[in-house]
N, C-alpha and C. Protein backbone atom coordinates (compact mmCIF):
# COMPACT_ATOMS: atom_id res chain seq x y z
N MET A 1 -0.51 11.43 7.74
CA MET A 1 0.10 12.30 6.76
C MET A 1 -0.83 13.48 6.52
N SER A 2 -0.34 14.66 6.72
CA SER A 2 -1.17 15.83 6.50
C SER A 2 -1.31 16.13 5.01
N ALA A 3 -0.22 16.33 4.33
CA ALA A 3 -0.25 16.59 2.90
C ALA A 3 0.49 15.47 2.19
N VAL A 4 -0.13 14.93 1.16
CA VAL A 4 0.50 13.85 0.42
C VAL A 4 1.35 14.45 -0.68
N PRO A 5 2.66 14.13 -0.67
CA PRO A 5 3.52 14.68 -1.72
C PRO A 5 3.20 14.07 -3.07
N ARG A 6 3.41 14.82 -4.12
CA ARG A 6 3.18 14.29 -5.47
C ARG A 6 4.35 13.44 -5.92
N ARG A 7 5.53 13.77 -5.46
CA ARG A 7 6.76 13.05 -5.81
C ARG A 7 7.71 13.07 -4.63
N GLY A 8 8.63 12.12 -4.62
CA GLY A 8 9.67 12.11 -3.61
C GLY A 8 9.49 11.00 -2.58
N LEU A 9 10.45 10.95 -1.67
CA LEU A 9 10.48 9.92 -0.63
C LEU A 9 9.88 10.45 0.66
N ARG A 10 9.17 9.56 1.35
CA ARG A 10 8.59 9.93 2.64
C ARG A 10 8.39 8.68 3.49
N ARG A 11 8.54 8.85 4.79
CA ARG A 11 8.26 7.75 5.72
C ARG A 11 6.77 7.73 6.01
N VAL A 12 6.21 6.52 6.11
CA VAL A 12 4.80 6.33 6.39
C VAL A 12 4.67 5.28 7.48
N VAL A 13 3.80 5.50 8.44
CA VAL A 13 3.53 4.53 9.50
C VAL A 13 2.30 3.72 9.12
N VAL A 14 2.44 2.40 9.18
CA VAL A 14 1.35 1.49 8.85
C VAL A 14 0.37 1.42 10.02
N ARG A 15 -0.91 1.44 9.70
CA ARG A 15 -1.97 1.31 10.71
C ARG A 15 -2.82 0.10 10.34
N GLY A 16 -3.21 -0.68 11.30
CA GLY A 16 -4.14 -1.78 11.08
C GLY A 16 -3.48 -3.07 10.63
N PRO A 17 -4.29 -4.15 10.56
CA PRO A 17 -3.77 -5.49 10.28
C PRO A 17 -3.87 -5.94 8.83
N SER A 18 -4.28 -5.08 7.91
CA SER A 18 -4.61 -5.55 6.56
C SER A 18 -3.43 -6.11 5.77
N MET A 19 -2.21 -5.74 6.11
CA MET A 19 -1.06 -6.22 5.35
C MET A 19 -0.25 -7.30 6.07
N ALA A 20 -0.78 -7.84 7.17
CA ALA A 20 -0.09 -8.93 7.86
C ALA A 20 -0.10 -10.17 6.96
N PRO A 21 0.94 -10.93 6.91
CA PRO A 21 2.13 -10.89 7.74
C PRO A 21 3.26 -10.01 7.20
N THR A 22 3.08 -9.42 6.01
CA THR A 22 4.14 -8.62 5.41
C THR A 22 4.47 -7.39 6.24
N LEU A 23 3.44 -6.66 6.67
CA LEU A 23 3.60 -5.46 7.49
C LEU A 23 2.63 -5.52 8.66
N SER A 24 3.04 -4.93 9.77
CA SER A 24 2.21 -4.89 10.97
C SER A 24 1.94 -3.45 11.36
N ALA A 25 0.89 -3.26 12.15
CA ALA A 25 0.59 -1.92 12.66
C ALA A 25 1.81 -1.38 13.39
N GLY A 26 2.18 -0.15 13.10
CA GLY A 26 3.34 0.48 13.72
C GLY A 26 4.62 0.38 12.90
N ASP A 27 4.64 -0.49 11.89
CA ASP A 27 5.83 -0.55 11.03
C ASP A 27 5.98 0.79 10.31
N VAL A 28 7.22 1.19 10.10
CA VAL A 28 7.53 2.42 9.35
C VAL A 28 8.13 1.99 8.02
N VAL A 29 7.55 2.48 6.93
CA VAL A 29 8.02 2.13 5.59
C VAL A 29 8.46 3.37 4.84
N LEU A 30 9.32 3.15 3.85
CA LEU A 30 9.78 4.23 2.98
C LEU A 30 9.00 4.14 1.68
N VAL A 31 8.34 5.24 1.31
CA VAL A 31 7.48 5.27 0.13
C VAL A 31 8.04 6.27 -0.88
N ARG A 32 8.07 5.84 -2.14
CA ARG A 32 8.43 6.77 -3.23
C ARG A 32 7.11 7.20 -3.87
N PHE A 33 6.70 8.43 -3.55
CA PHE A 33 5.47 8.98 -4.12
C PHE A 33 5.71 9.36 -5.57
N GLY A 34 4.73 9.06 -6.42
CA GLY A 34 4.83 9.34 -7.84
C GLY A 34 5.46 8.21 -8.65
N ALA A 35 5.95 7.16 -7.97
CA ALA A 35 6.54 6.03 -8.69
C ALA A 35 5.44 5.19 -9.32
N PRO A 36 5.66 4.70 -10.53
CA PRO A 36 4.64 3.86 -11.17
C PRO A 36 4.61 2.47 -10.53
N PRO A 37 3.43 1.97 -10.21
CA PRO A 37 3.34 0.64 -9.59
C PRO A 37 3.43 -0.48 -10.63
N ARG A 38 3.80 -1.66 -10.13
CA ARG A 38 3.76 -2.88 -10.93
C ARG A 38 2.95 -3.90 -10.14
N PRO A 39 2.32 -4.84 -10.81
CA PRO A 39 1.60 -5.88 -10.07
C PRO A 39 2.51 -6.55 -9.05
N GLY A 40 1.99 -6.70 -7.83
CA GLY A 40 2.75 -7.31 -6.75
C GLY A 40 3.41 -6.31 -5.82
N ASP A 41 3.53 -5.04 -6.24
CA ASP A 41 4.13 -4.01 -5.38
C ASP A 41 3.23 -3.70 -4.20
N VAL A 42 3.84 -3.37 -3.06
CA VAL A 42 3.10 -2.81 -1.94
C VAL A 42 3.03 -1.31 -2.20
N VAL A 43 1.82 -0.76 -2.10
CA VAL A 43 1.59 0.63 -2.51
C VAL A 43 0.77 1.40 -1.47
N VAL A 44 0.86 2.72 -1.54
CA VAL A 44 -0.01 3.61 -0.77
C VAL A 44 -1.07 4.10 -1.73
N VAL A 45 -2.34 3.96 -1.32
CA VAL A 45 -3.45 4.32 -2.21
C VAL A 45 -4.43 5.26 -1.52
N ARG A 46 -5.24 5.88 -2.36
CA ARG A 46 -6.38 6.69 -1.91
C ARG A 46 -7.60 6.16 -2.65
N TRP A 47 -8.71 6.10 -1.94
CA TRP A 47 -9.96 5.60 -2.51
C TRP A 47 -10.81 6.79 -2.96
N PRO A 48 -11.34 6.77 -4.20
CA PRO A 48 -12.23 7.85 -4.63
C PRO A 48 -13.44 8.03 -3.71
N SER A 49 -13.94 6.93 -3.15
CA SER A 49 -15.11 7.02 -2.26
C SER A 49 -14.74 7.44 -0.84
N ARG A 50 -13.44 7.44 -0.52
CA ARG A 50 -12.95 7.83 0.81
C ARG A 50 -11.71 8.71 0.66
N PRO A 51 -11.84 9.90 0.12
CA PRO A 51 -10.66 10.71 -0.23
C PRO A 51 -9.76 11.09 0.94
N ALA A 52 -10.26 11.07 2.16
CA ALA A 52 -9.41 11.42 3.30
C ALA A 52 -8.61 10.24 3.83
N GLN A 53 -8.89 9.04 3.33
CA GLN A 53 -8.25 7.83 3.85
C GLN A 53 -7.13 7.37 2.93
N LEU A 54 -5.94 7.15 3.50
CA LEU A 54 -4.85 6.51 2.78
C LEU A 54 -4.72 5.09 3.29
N SER A 55 -4.36 4.18 2.40
CA SER A 55 -4.20 2.79 2.79
C SER A 55 -2.94 2.22 2.18
N VAL A 56 -2.36 1.21 2.85
CA VAL A 56 -1.23 0.46 2.32
C VAL A 56 -1.79 -0.90 1.90
N LYS A 57 -1.62 -1.23 0.62
CA LYS A 57 -2.17 -2.46 0.04
C LYS A 57 -1.19 -3.03 -0.97
N ARG A 58 -1.57 -4.16 -1.56
CA ARG A 58 -0.76 -4.78 -2.61
C ARG A 58 -1.45 -4.57 -3.95
N ALA A 59 -0.71 -4.04 -4.93
CA ALA A 59 -1.25 -3.80 -6.27
C ALA A 59 -1.45 -5.12 -7.00
N SER A 60 -2.63 -5.27 -7.61
CA SER A 60 -2.92 -6.47 -8.40
C SER A 60 -2.81 -6.17 -9.89
N CYS A 61 -3.67 -5.26 -10.37
CA CYS A 61 -3.65 -4.93 -11.80
C CYS A 61 -4.37 -3.61 -12.03
N PRO A 62 -4.02 -2.92 -13.14
CA PRO A 62 -4.72 -1.69 -13.47
C PRO A 62 -6.17 -1.98 -13.83
N ALA A 63 -7.07 -1.05 -13.46
CA ALA A 63 -8.49 -1.22 -13.78
C ALA A 63 -9.23 0.10 -13.67
N ASP A 64 -9.97 0.46 -14.69
CA ASP A 64 -10.86 1.63 -14.66
C ASP A 64 -10.21 2.89 -14.11
N GLY A 65 -9.05 3.25 -14.62
CA GLY A 65 -8.41 4.48 -14.21
C GLY A 65 -7.71 4.41 -12.88
N GLY A 66 -7.62 3.26 -12.27
CA GLY A 66 -6.92 3.07 -11.01
C GLY A 66 -6.30 1.69 -10.97
N TRP A 67 -6.16 1.16 -9.77
CA TRP A 67 -5.59 -0.17 -9.61
C TRP A 67 -6.48 -0.98 -8.68
N LEU A 68 -6.62 -2.27 -8.99
CA LEU A 68 -7.22 -3.19 -8.04
C LEU A 68 -6.13 -3.55 -7.04
N VAL A 69 -6.45 -3.40 -5.77
CA VAL A 69 -5.48 -3.66 -4.70
C VAL A 69 -6.14 -4.52 -3.64
N SER A 70 -5.30 -5.21 -2.87
CA SER A 70 -5.83 -6.03 -1.78
C SER A 70 -4.84 -6.06 -0.64
N GLY A 71 -5.35 -6.38 0.53
CA GLY A 71 -4.49 -6.58 1.69
C GLY A 71 -3.97 -8.00 1.68
N ASP A 72 -2.78 -8.21 2.21
CA ASP A 72 -2.25 -9.57 2.31
C ASP A 72 -3.06 -10.39 3.30
N ASN A 73 -3.65 -9.74 4.28
CA ASN A 73 -4.52 -10.39 5.27
C ASN A 73 -5.95 -10.30 4.72
N ARG A 74 -6.34 -11.24 3.90
CA ARG A 74 -7.62 -11.17 3.20
C ARG A 74 -8.81 -11.06 4.14
N LEU A 75 -8.71 -11.65 5.34
CA LEU A 75 -9.83 -11.61 6.28
C LEU A 75 -9.87 -10.30 7.08
N GLY A 76 -8.77 -9.55 7.07
CA GLY A 76 -8.70 -8.32 7.85
C GLY A 76 -8.47 -7.09 7.01
N SER A 77 -8.95 -7.10 5.77
CA SER A 77 -8.67 -5.99 4.86
C SER A 77 -9.93 -5.51 4.16
N THR A 78 -10.10 -4.20 4.14
CA THR A 78 -11.10 -3.57 3.28
C THR A 78 -10.31 -3.06 2.08
N ASP A 79 -10.62 -3.57 0.90
CA ASP A 79 -9.80 -3.28 -0.27
C ASP A 79 -10.67 -3.19 -1.51
N SER A 80 -10.11 -3.43 -2.67
CA SER A 80 -10.85 -3.28 -3.93
C SER A 80 -12.05 -4.21 -4.03
N ARG A 81 -12.06 -5.29 -3.28
CA ARG A 81 -13.23 -6.17 -3.30
C ARG A 81 -14.47 -5.41 -2.82
N ALA A 82 -14.29 -4.47 -1.90
CA ALA A 82 -15.42 -3.69 -1.38
C ALA A 82 -15.47 -2.27 -1.94
N LEU A 83 -14.31 -1.68 -2.23
CA LEU A 83 -14.25 -0.26 -2.58
C LEU A 83 -13.94 0.03 -4.04
N GLY A 84 -13.66 -1.01 -4.82
CA GLY A 84 -13.33 -0.81 -6.23
C GLY A 84 -11.90 -0.35 -6.43
N PRO A 85 -11.56 0.11 -7.63
CA PRO A 85 -10.19 0.54 -7.92
C PRO A 85 -9.76 1.71 -7.04
N ALA A 86 -8.46 1.73 -6.72
CA ALA A 86 -7.87 2.79 -5.91
C ALA A 86 -6.86 3.57 -6.76
N VAL A 87 -6.59 4.78 -6.33
CA VAL A 87 -5.57 5.61 -6.97
C VAL A 87 -4.25 5.35 -6.25
N VAL A 88 -3.25 4.87 -6.97
CA VAL A 88 -1.95 4.60 -6.37
C VAL A 88 -1.17 5.91 -6.28
N LEU A 89 -0.75 6.25 -5.07
CA LEU A 89 0.01 7.48 -4.83
C LEU A 89 1.51 7.24 -4.79
N GLY A 90 1.91 6.04 -4.35
CA GLY A 90 3.33 5.75 -4.23
C GLY A 90 3.57 4.27 -4.01
N VAL A 91 4.83 3.89 -4.17
CA VAL A 91 5.26 2.50 -4.02
C VAL A 91 6.15 2.39 -2.78
N VAL A 92 5.85 1.38 -1.94
CA VAL A 92 6.65 1.13 -0.75
C VAL A 92 7.96 0.48 -1.20
N LEU A 93 9.08 1.09 -0.82
CA LEU A 93 10.39 0.58 -1.22
C LEU A 93 10.97 -0.39 -0.20
N ALA A 94 10.74 -0.11 1.09
CA ALA A 94 11.36 -0.93 2.14
C ALA A 94 10.73 -0.63 3.48
N ARG A 95 10.90 -1.55 4.41
CA ARG A 95 10.53 -1.31 5.81
C ARG A 95 11.75 -0.68 6.48
N LEU A 96 11.52 0.41 7.21
CA LEU A 96 12.60 1.08 7.93
C LEU A 96 12.68 0.63 9.39
N TRP A 97 11.50 0.30 9.97
CA TRP A 97 11.45 -0.08 11.38
C TRP A 97 10.26 -0.99 11.60
N PRO A 98 10.30 -2.01 12.37
CA PRO A 98 11.35 -2.42 13.30
C PRO A 98 12.36 -3.38 12.69
N ARG A 99 12.09 -3.99 11.54
CA ARG A 99 13.03 -4.91 10.89
C ARG A 99 13.37 -4.36 9.52
N PRO A 100 14.38 -3.50 9.43
CA PRO A 100 14.70 -2.86 8.15
C PRO A 100 14.96 -3.89 7.05
N GLY A 101 14.48 -3.58 5.87
CA GLY A 101 14.76 -4.43 4.72
C GLY A 101 13.69 -4.34 3.66
N ARG A 102 13.97 -5.02 2.56
CA ARG A 102 13.02 -5.06 1.45
C ARG A 102 11.83 -5.92 1.84
N LEU A 103 10.71 -5.67 1.21
CA LEU A 103 9.51 -6.45 1.48
C LEU A 103 9.43 -7.62 0.52
N PRO A 104 8.91 -8.76 0.98
CA PRO A 104 8.75 -9.88 0.06
C PRO A 104 7.65 -9.59 -0.95
N GLY A 105 7.79 -10.13 -2.14
CA GLY A 105 6.74 -10.02 -3.15
C GLY A 105 5.61 -10.96 -2.81
N LYS A 106 4.51 -10.79 -3.47
CA LYS A 106 3.32 -11.60 -3.21
C LYS A 106 3.64 -13.09 -3.35
N ARG A 107 4.42 -13.45 -4.34
CA ARG A 107 4.71 -14.86 -4.56
C ARG A 107 5.56 -15.46 -3.44
N ASP A 108 6.23 -14.59 -2.64
CA ASP A 108 7.10 -15.08 -1.58
C ASP A 108 6.34 -15.56 -0.35
N HIS A 109 5.06 -15.20 -0.21
CA HIS A 109 4.34 -15.63 0.99
C HIS A 109 2.91 -16.07 0.71
N SER A 110 2.58 -16.40 -0.53
CA SER A 110 1.21 -16.83 -0.82
C SER A 110 1.00 -18.27 -0.38
């Protein structure tokens, strides 16, 4: 993504294994930028310590002006455990490709 929109819908391509099994590298998701997150939502975040990097993670809870987030693949994720709170930019609404549909909540696959 070259420029991150402040509001609106946009397609985002997932990179890396951090959200497996919910999302895989190459999945295309629909994100509503500017939407307020809730615990358990899959979100797109930016790290204050890594401003050029966007990540797809799962929101846990608000903390210190941001959100604590984690990858569903705990062994393959760099997340708030290492980087602290993240700034949530948008909420993932659905997977568009390769298996279109809503994403399961955290409780659906823990």
